[in-house]
Amino acid sequence: MTATAASEAPVRKRRKWLKGAIVALSIVVVLALAGLAGAGWYFSNELLKPDHSAPEYPFAVEAAADGTVTLPRDEETEKPGTWGLAWEDGQALIGDVVDEDEDSVTRTVDRVISGDLTEGEAVRIDTYAYRGDPTTALGLDFEDVEIETDLGDAPAWLIPADGTTWVIGVHGRNASREETLRSAEVYHALGYPVLAVTYRNDEGAPAAENGLMSLGEYEADDVLDAVDYALANGASDVILHGISMGGSTVATAARKIEDPSVIRGIVFDSPCLDWDSTLDLQADNRNVIAPITWAAKRIVEPRADISLHDLDQRNFADEFAMPVLLFVDTADETVDHRATLDFAGLLGDRATLVESASGHTATWNEDPEAYAAGLGSYLSSL
């Protein structure tokens, strides 16, 4: 072997090793990106795919007699306030804790709405409080009506009253019209007709063409159809009341509507007013690492044909000229309540803020009388 050949041999070996290292690194990068994309896709499914599966009932009734119910002691069962107690074929309204020990709590049963509450029944604590239709839950007359949308007819409950300002009640993500019954009771007592609506992908409502939720972007179109229905059937104007994702939906509807003057006011109840920061919160709650959250956001936008920037209502606060009431829960672990506080600050004197600390959509549950007073005061100011 010549001296030249001998000197070139280590160079060829280094090149071969470098080439192999680059190939190996490329494979690792491709696999990492594939894994990141797969995890992001899974997270996007969790967010966008409708889920109407049956709920779980984690607690067993230890005793039920003399207007009380005894439950295993838990963070949920001992929480003060007024809550629903749900089981597979029934619902009750429970109130104050009247007795407790290390293992159990006993609460008042304000009333049994449906079914039989008995010892051994598997139950869960229900934020909705009321289940059933407006008559079975609240004793209120109502009509089943259909709202014509581009996707087909969407069912709604119309609870009539004497006023000409109608309330459009919009529930949250994977929820139902029953979620609006707590506020509907207050509105009806004050003389406001209530239209509790469904929107695309709800049970009984038309499905979106892609089968996915859009976090309020296109659900807003169904709410605008409900506004048209109200105006065509005797309403002079409307109040939009949005709960959780319903907040994102009514905010987007208010920005899309051709004639904003028909919206007399907006009520936000634990609203999601920024999905970007809310996804960060949800990821933190599930110990999802930041790269997966980033990938999920990049996947969510094209899949649902949305812009997270456009669903951050703080970017459009100057478009909300109507008075706004915001029920904000500072213990909310579902949506980013800080974005709601920021939004309220941007509205200035157009905003009325009511704070609680009992969890997502639980301002009413914390104190129904205070909730009704706050809502009533806001309505009287319009």
Protein backbone atom coordinates (compact mmCIF):
# COMPACT_ATOMS: atom_id res chain seq x y z
CA MET A 1 0.00 0.00 0.00
CA THR A 2 1.31 3.39 -0.93
CA ALA A 3 1.63 6.22 1.57
CA THR A 4 -1.17 8.08 -0.19
CA ALA A 5 -3.54 5.11 -0.02
CA ALA A 6 -2.69 4.57 3.63
CA SER A 7 -3.48 8.20 4.48
CA GLU A 8 -6.79 8.11 2.58
CA ALA A 9 -8.07 5.03 4.42
CA PRO A 10 -8.85 6.82 7.72
CA VAL A 11 -10.55 9.62 5.75
CA ARG A 12 -12.79 7.09 3.99
CA LYS A 13 -13.59 5.50 7.33
CA ARG A 14 -14.47 8.88 8.85
CA ARG A 15 -16.68 9.72 5.86
CA LYS A 16 -18.37 6.33 6.10
CA TRP A 17 -18.91 6.82 9.84
CA LEU A 18 -20.22 10.37 9.28
CA LYS A 19 -22.59 9.17 6.56
CA GLY A 20 -23.89 6.44 8.85
CA ALA A 21 -24.31 8.91 11.69
CA ILE A 22 -26.26 11.29 9.46
CA VAL A 23 -28.53 8.46 8.30
CA ALA A 24 -29.07 7.34 11.89
CA LEU A 25 -29.76 10.90 13.04
CA SER A 26 -32.17 11.39 10.14
CA ILE A 27 -34.05 8.26 11.15
CA VAL A 28 -34.22 9.45 14.74
CA VAL A 29 -35.51 12.88 13.63
CA VAL A 30 -38.10 11.33 11.32
CA LEU A 31 -39.29 8.97 14.07
CA ALA A 32 -39.39 11.83 16.58
CA LEU A 33 -41.39 14.01 14.22
CA ALA A 34 -43.72 11.12 13.43
CA GLY A 35 -44.22 10.50 17.13
CA LEU A 36 -44.81 14.20 17.73
CA ALA A 37 -47.33 14.36 14.91
CA GLY A 38 -49.08 11.23 16.16
CA ALA A 39 -49.35 12.57 19.68
CA GLY A 40 -50.51 15.93 18.36
CA TRP A 41 -53.16 14.21 16.23
CA TYR A 42 -54.39 12.26 19.26
CA PHE A 43 -54.63 15.47 21.31
CA SER A 44 -56.49 17.17 18.46
CA ASN A 45 -58.97 14.27 18.40
CA GLU A 46 -59.59 14.78 22.10
CA LEU A 47 -60.42 18.41 21.39
CA LEU A 48 -62.35 18.26 18.12
CA LYS A 49 -64.24 14.97 18.07
CA PRO A 50 -67.71 15.13 19.65
CA ASP A 51 -68.13 12.86 22.65
CA HIS A 52 -71.60 12.01 23.91
CA SER A 53 -70.67 8.85 25.76
CA ALA A 54 -72.50 7.88 28.94
CA PRO A 55 -71.20 9.47 32.16
CA GLU A 56 -69.65 7.56 35.03
CA TYR A 57 -71.18 7.35 38.50
CA PRO A 58 -68.27 7.10 40.96
CA PHE A 59 -70.08 7.32 44.31
CA ALA A 60 -72.47 4.95 46.07
CA VAL A 61 -75.28 6.39 48.22
CA GLU A 62 -74.70 5.31 51.82
CA ALA A 63 -78.10 6.44 53.08
CA ALA A 64 -81.11 8.37 51.82
CA ALA A 65 -83.92 9.32 54.19
CA ASP A 66 -85.75 12.25 55.78
CA GLY A 67 -84.74 14.76 53.11
CA THR A 68 -81.02 14.00 53.27
CA VAL A 69 -78.49 11.88 51.43
CA THR A 70 -75.21 10.49 52.77
CA LEU A 71 -72.29 10.12 50.38
CA PRO A 72 -68.64 9.07 50.62
CA ARG A 73 -66.48 12.01 51.59
CA ASP A 74 -64.70 13.45 48.56
CA GLU A 75 -63.62 16.81 47.21
CA GLU A 76 -66.73 16.82 45.01
CA THR A 77 -69.28 15.59 47.54
CA GLU A 78 -68.21 17.99 50.30
CA LYS A 79 -68.06 21.12 48.15
CA PRO A 80 -70.45 23.80 49.49
CA GLY A 81 -73.29 25.10 47.36
CA THR A 82 -76.22 23.69 45.41
CA TRP A 83 -75.54 20.79 43.06
CA GLY A 84 -77.24 18.14 41.06
CA LEU A 85 -77.01 14.53 42.17
CA ALA A 86 -77.38 12.33 39.11
CA TRP A 87 -77.84 8.59 38.70
CA GLU A 88 -78.63 6.44 35.71
CA ASP A 89 -82.37 7.06 35.71
CA GLY A 90 -82.78 10.01 38.05
CA GLN A 91 -81.74 13.42 39.28
CA ALA A 92 -81.96 15.29 42.57
CA LEU A 93 -81.02 18.75 43.75
CA ILE A 94 -78.81 18.72 46.86
CA GLY A 95 -77.82 21.56 49.16
CA ASP A 96 -76.06 22.19 52.44
CA VAL A 97 -73.83 19.75 54.27
CA VAL A 98 -75.65 19.04 57.56
CA ASP A 99 -73.37 16.33 58.99
CA GLU A 100 -69.95 14.89 58.24
CA ASP A 101 -67.19 12.67 59.53
CA GLU A 102 -63.85 11.46 58.17
CA ASP A 103 -65.50 9.10 55.69
CA SER A 104 -68.84 10.59 54.69
CA VAL A 105 -70.94 13.73 54.27
CA THR A 106 -74.67 14.16 54.67
CA ARG A 107 -76.40 16.84 52.60
CA THR A 108 -79.95 18.11 52.29
CA VAL A 109 -82.02 16.91 49.36
CA ASP A 110 -83.87 19.99 48.16
CA ARG A 111 -85.98 17.89 45.81
CA VAL A 112 -85.92 14.77 43.71
CA ILE A 113 -86.49 15.82 40.11
CA SER A 114 -86.88 12.32 38.67
CA GLY A 115 -86.37 8.69 39.67
CA ASP A 116 -85.94 7.18 43.13
CA LEU A 117 -82.96 8.03 45.31
CA THR A 118 -82.11 4.93 47.34
CA GLU A 119 -79.28 3.47 49.37
CA GLY A 120 -76.62 1.82 47.20
CA GLU A 121 -77.44 3.87 44.08
CA ALA A 122 -74.39 4.79 41.96
CA VAL A 123 -74.37 8.58 41.62
CA ARG A 124 -72.26 11.57 40.57
CA ILE A 125 -72.19 15.25 41.45
CA ASP A 126 -73.68 17.23 38.55
CA THR A 127 -72.87 20.88 37.88
CA TYR A 128 -75.96 21.21 35.66
CA ALA A 129 -78.18 20.81 38.77
CA TYR A 130 -81.27 20.28 36.61
CA ARG A 131 -81.89 17.47 34.13
CA GLY A 132 -84.81 16.82 31.83
CA ASP A 133 -86.80 19.36 29.86
CA PRO A 134 -88.00 22.74 31.22
CA THR A 135 -91.26 21.21 32.48
CA THR A 136 -89.82 18.19 34.28
CA ALA A 137 -86.87 20.17 35.66
CA LEU A 138 -88.41 23.56 36.44
CA GLY A 139 -92.17 23.20 36.01
CA LEU A 140 -92.12 25.67 33.10
CA ASP A 141 -94.20 25.42 29.96
CA PHE A 142 -92.16 25.20 26.77
CA GLU A 143 -92.36 24.39 23.08
CA ASP A 144 -90.15 22.08 21.05
CA VAL A 145 -89.13 24.12 18.00
CA GLU A 146 -86.77 23.61 15.08
CA ILE A 147 -84.17 26.15 13.99
CA GLU A 148 -83.41 26.03 10.28
CA THR A 149 -79.65 25.94 9.64
CA ASP A 150 -77.51 25.34 6.58
CA LEU A 151 -76.94 21.78 7.78
CA GLY A 152 -80.58 21.00 8.58
CA ASP A 153 -83.04 21.65 11.38
CA ALA A 154 -81.62 21.91 14.91
CA PRO A 155 -83.99 21.33 17.86
CA ALA A 156 -84.47 23.98 20.53
CA TRP A 157 -86.62 24.64 23.57
CA LEU A 158 -88.66 27.83 23.59
CA ILE A 159 -89.73 28.88 27.08
CA PRO A 160 -92.26 31.67 26.49
CA ALA A 161 -92.64 34.83 28.59
CA ASP A 162 -94.13 38.29 28.12
CA GLY A 163 -90.98 40.21 27.19
CA THR A 164 -89.85 40.96 23.65
CA THR A 165 -86.13 40.64 24.39
CA TRP A 166 -85.36 36.95 23.94
CA VAL A 167 -82.45 35.11 25.55
CA ILE A 168 -80.53 32.68 23.33
CA GLY A 169 -79.02 30.08 25.69
CA VAL A 170 -75.93 28.33 24.28
CA HIS A 171 -74.39 25.38 26.11
CA GLY A 172 -70.76 24.27 26.17
CA ARG A 173 -68.61 21.65 24.50
CA ASN A 174 -70.05 18.11 24.50
CA ALA A 175 -72.86 19.42 26.71
CA SER A 176 -76.62 19.76 26.14
CA ARG A 177 -79.47 22.23 26.48
CA GLU A 178 -79.92 21.06 30.07
CA GLU A 179 -76.84 23.10 30.96
CA THR A 180 -78.83 26.29 30.26
CA LEU A 181 -81.69 25.46 32.65
CA ARG A 182 -80.09 27.13 35.70
CA SER A 183 -80.04 30.54 34.03
CA ALA A 184 -83.32 29.90 32.17
CA GLU A 185 -85.07 29.72 35.54
CA VAL A 186 -83.79 33.21 36.40
CA TYR A 187 -84.60 34.72 33.02
CA HIS A 188 -88.13 33.34 33.01
CA ALA A 189 -88.84 34.74 36.47
CA LEU A 190 -87.80 38.17 35.14
CA GLY A 191 -90.08 37.93 32.08
CA TYR A 192 -87.58 37.01 29.37
CA PRO A 193 -88.46 34.36 26.79
CA VAL A 194 -85.64 31.81 26.52
CA LEU A 195 -84.58 29.89 23.41
CA ALA A 196 -82.26 27.08 24.52
CA VAL A 197 -80.56 25.90 21.35
CA THR A 198 -78.56 23.03 19.98
CA TYR A 199 -75.83 23.35 17.37
CA ARG A 200 -73.92 21.15 14.95
CA ASN A 201 -72.73 17.78 16.29
CA ASP A 202 -75.13 17.90 19.26
CA GLU A 203 -77.27 14.86 19.89
CA GLY A 204 -80.38 15.34 17.75
CA ALA A 205 -78.82 18.17 15.72
CA PRO A 206 -77.20 17.94 12.28
CA ALA A 207 -73.57 16.88 12.11
CA ALA A 208 -70.89 19.13 10.67
CA GLU A 209 -69.70 18.06 7.24
CA ASN A 210 -66.31 17.05 8.63
CA GLY A 211 -67.83 15.61 11.81
CA LEU A 212 -65.66 17.87 13.96
CA MET A 213 -66.26 20.71 16.38
CA SER A 214 -64.82 24.11 15.45
CA LEU A 215 -64.52 25.57 18.98
CA GLY A 216 -67.22 28.15 18.28
CA GLU A 217 -66.18 29.32 14.80
CA TYR A 218 -68.94 27.58 12.80
CA GLU A 219 -71.23 26.76 15.72
CA ALA A 220 -71.66 30.55 15.72
CA ASP A 221 -73.48 30.25 12.38
CA ASP A 222 -76.11 28.05 14.03
CA VAL A 223 -76.52 30.63 16.81
CA LEU A 224 -77.06 33.34 14.18
CA ASP A 225 -79.80 31.17 12.69
CA ALA A 226 -81.36 31.04 16.17
CA VAL A 227 -81.22 34.84 16.37
CA ASP A 228 -83.01 35.00 13.00
CA TYR A 229 -85.66 32.60 14.34
CA ALA A 230 -86.20 34.76 17.42
CA LEU A 231 -86.54 37.95 15.38
CA ALA A 232 -88.96 36.25 13.01
CA ASN A 233 -91.14 35.04 15.87
CA GLY A 234 -91.70 38.15 17.94
CA ALA A 235 -88.36 39.15 19.43
CA SER A 236 -87.36 42.81 19.17
CA ASP A 237 -83.76 42.00 20.12
CA VAL A 238 -81.80 39.29 21.92
CA ILE A 239 -79.40 38.59 24.75
CA LEU A 240 -76.79 35.92 24.00
CA HIS A 241 -75.91 33.72 26.99
CA GLY A 242 -72.93 31.44 26.36
CA ILE A 243 -71.55 28.82 28.73
CA SER A 244 -67.95 27.52 28.38
CA MET A 245 -67.44 26.88 24.63
CA GLY A 246 -70.83 28.53 24.25
CA GLY A 247 -69.01 31.72 25.28
CA SER A 248 -66.61 31.38 22.35
CA THR A 249 -69.61 30.63 20.14
CA VAL A 250 -71.72 33.65 21.09
CA ALA A 251 -68.70 35.97 21.00
CA THR A 252 -67.95 34.84 17.46
CA ALA A 253 -71.62 35.16 16.51
CA ALA A 254 -71.64 38.74 17.82
CA ARG A 255 -68.65 39.55 15.61
CA LYS A 256 -70.21 37.90 12.55
CA ILE A 257 -73.74 39.30 12.79
CA GLU A 258 -74.73 41.79 10.09
CA ASP A 259 -76.68 44.04 12.45
CA PRO A 260 -75.04 44.12 15.91
CA SER A 261 -77.79 46.39 17.23
CA VAL A 262 -80.13 43.41 17.60
CA ILE A 263 -77.83 42.03 20.33
CA ARG A 264 -78.89 43.91 23.42
CA GLY A 265 -76.34 42.24 25.66
CA ILE A 266 -74.06 39.23 26.11
CA VAL A 267 -73.68 37.05 29.19
CA PHE A 268 -70.56 34.90 29.44
CA ASP A 269 -70.56 32.05 31.96
CA SER A 270 -67.08 30.49 32.49
CA PRO A 271 -66.42 31.28 28.82
CA CYS A 272 -63.52 30.10 26.73
CA LEU A 273 -62.37 33.38 25.23
CA ASP A 274 -58.92 32.16 24.19
CA TRP A 275 -58.41 28.60 22.98
CA ASP A 276 -54.64 28.96 22.64
CA SER A 277 -54.02 29.51 26.35
CA THR A 278 -56.82 27.11 27.24
CA LEU A 279 -55.08 24.34 25.31
CA ASP A 280 -51.91 25.12 27.26
CA LEU A 281 -53.90 24.79 30.49
CA GLN A 282 -55.45 21.49 29.40
CA ALA A 283 -52.03 20.17 28.37
CA ASP A 284 -50.55 21.10 31.74
CA ASN A 285 -53.45 19.35 33.50
CA ARG A 286 -52.66 16.17 31.56
CA ASN A 287 -48.86 16.47 31.81
CA VAL A 288 -48.58 16.84 28.03
CA ILE A 289 -45.17 18.21 27.04
CA ALA A 290 -44.94 21.53 25.20
CA PRO A 291 -43.83 20.11 21.80
CA ILE A 292 -46.93 17.90 21.65
CA THR A 293 -49.16 20.85 22.57
CA TRP A 294 -47.51 22.92 19.84
CA ALA A 295 -48.03 20.10 17.32
CA ALA A 296 -51.66 19.68 18.36
CA LYS A 297 -52.35 23.37 17.78
CA ARG A 298 -50.76 23.21 14.33
CA ILE A 299 -52.97 20.19 13.53
CA VAL A 300 -56.18 21.58 15.04
CA GLU A 301 -56.24 24.70 12.87
CA PRO A 302 -56.26 23.03 9.42
CA ARG A 303 -58.35 20.06 10.58
CA ALA A 304 -61.15 22.29 11.87
CA ASP A 305 -60.49 25.11 9.36
CA ILE A 306 -60.07 27.65 12.14
CA SER A 307 -57.57 30.22 13.39
CA LEU A 308 -56.73 30.19 17.08
CA HIS A 309 -55.82 33.88 16.75
CA ASP A 310 -59.34 34.63 15.53
CA LEU A 311 -60.81 32.73 18.49
CA ASP A 312 -58.88 34.85 20.99
CA GLN A 313 -61.65 37.35 21.66
CA ARG A 314 -59.21 39.77 23.31
CA ASN A 315 -57.97 40.60 19.83
CA PHE A 316 -61.43 41.96 18.95
CA ALA A 317 -62.58 43.55 22.20
CA ASP A 318 -63.28 46.86 20.46
CA GLU A 319 -66.00 45.13 18.38
CA PHE A 320 -68.15 44.50 21.47
CA ALA A 321 -70.14 47.70 21.88
CA MET A 322 -72.99 46.10 23.86
CA PRO A 323 -72.97 45.72 27.68
CA VAL A 324 -71.38 42.44 28.74
CA LEU A 325 -71.77 40.41 31.92
CA LEU A 326 -69.03 37.92 32.76
CA PHE A 327 -69.34 35.16 35.35
CA VAL A 328 -65.72 34.14 35.96
CA ASP A 329 -64.57 31.32 38.22
CA THR A 330 -61.04 31.75 39.49
CA ALA A 331 -60.80 28.02 40.37
CA ASP A 332 -61.57 27.05 36.77
CA GLU A 333 -59.31 24.21 35.61
CA THR A 334 -61.05 23.73 32.25
CA VAL A 335 -60.69 27.09 30.51
CA ASP A 336 -58.18 29.88 31.02
CA HIS A 337 -60.09 32.33 33.20
CA ARG A 338 -57.20 34.82 33.03
CA ALA A 339 -58.05 35.47 29.38
CA THR A 340 -61.59 36.31 30.47
CA LEU A 341 -60.31 38.76 33.07
CA ASP A 342 -58.08 40.33 30.40
CA PHE A 343 -61.07 40.62 28.06
CA ALA A 344 -63.16 42.26 30.77
CA GLY A 345 -60.35 44.76 31.36
CA LEU A 346 -60.24 45.62 27.67
CA LEU A 347 -64.01 46.24 27.64
CA GLY A 348 -63.73 48.76 30.46
CA ASP A 349 -67.07 50.13 31.62
CA ARG A 350 -68.92 47.96 29.08
CA ALA A 351 -68.19 44.95 31.32
CA THR A 352 -69.72 43.77 34.57
CA LEU A 353 -67.69 41.09 36.33
CA VAL A 354 -68.97 38.51 38.83
CA GLU A 355 -66.31 36.23 40.33
CA SER A 356 -66.62 32.86 42.06
CA ALA A 357 -64.24 30.06 43.06
CA SER A 358 -66.08 26.74 42.83
CA GLY A 359 -64.90 25.42 39.46
CA HIS A 360 -65.83 25.52 35.79
CA THR A 361 -69.40 26.78 35.13
CA ALA A 362 -70.15 26.62 38.87
CA THR A 363 -70.92 30.26 39.73
CA TRP A 364 -74.62 29.40 40.03
CA ASN A 365 -73.84 26.32 42.12
CA GLU A 366 -71.72 28.31 44.55
CA ASP A 367 -74.60 30.66 45.36
CA PRO A 368 -77.80 30.52 43.25
CA GLU A 369 -79.26 33.61 44.92
CA ALA A 370 -76.14 35.69 44.29
CA TYR A 371 -76.06 34.46 40.68
CA ALA A 372 -79.70 35.48 40.18
CA ALA A 373 -79.05 38.86 41.81
CA GLY A 374 -76.03 39.53 39.61
CA LEU A 375 -77.93 38.56 36.48
CA GLY A 376 -80.97 40.57 37.50
CA SER A 377 -78.90 43.66 38.23
CA TYR A 378 -77.22 43.42 34.84
CA LEU A 379 -80.54 43.02 33.03
CA SER A 380 -82.07 45.99 34.80
CA SER A 381 -79.10 48.11 33.68
CA LEU A 382 -79.74 47.48 29.98
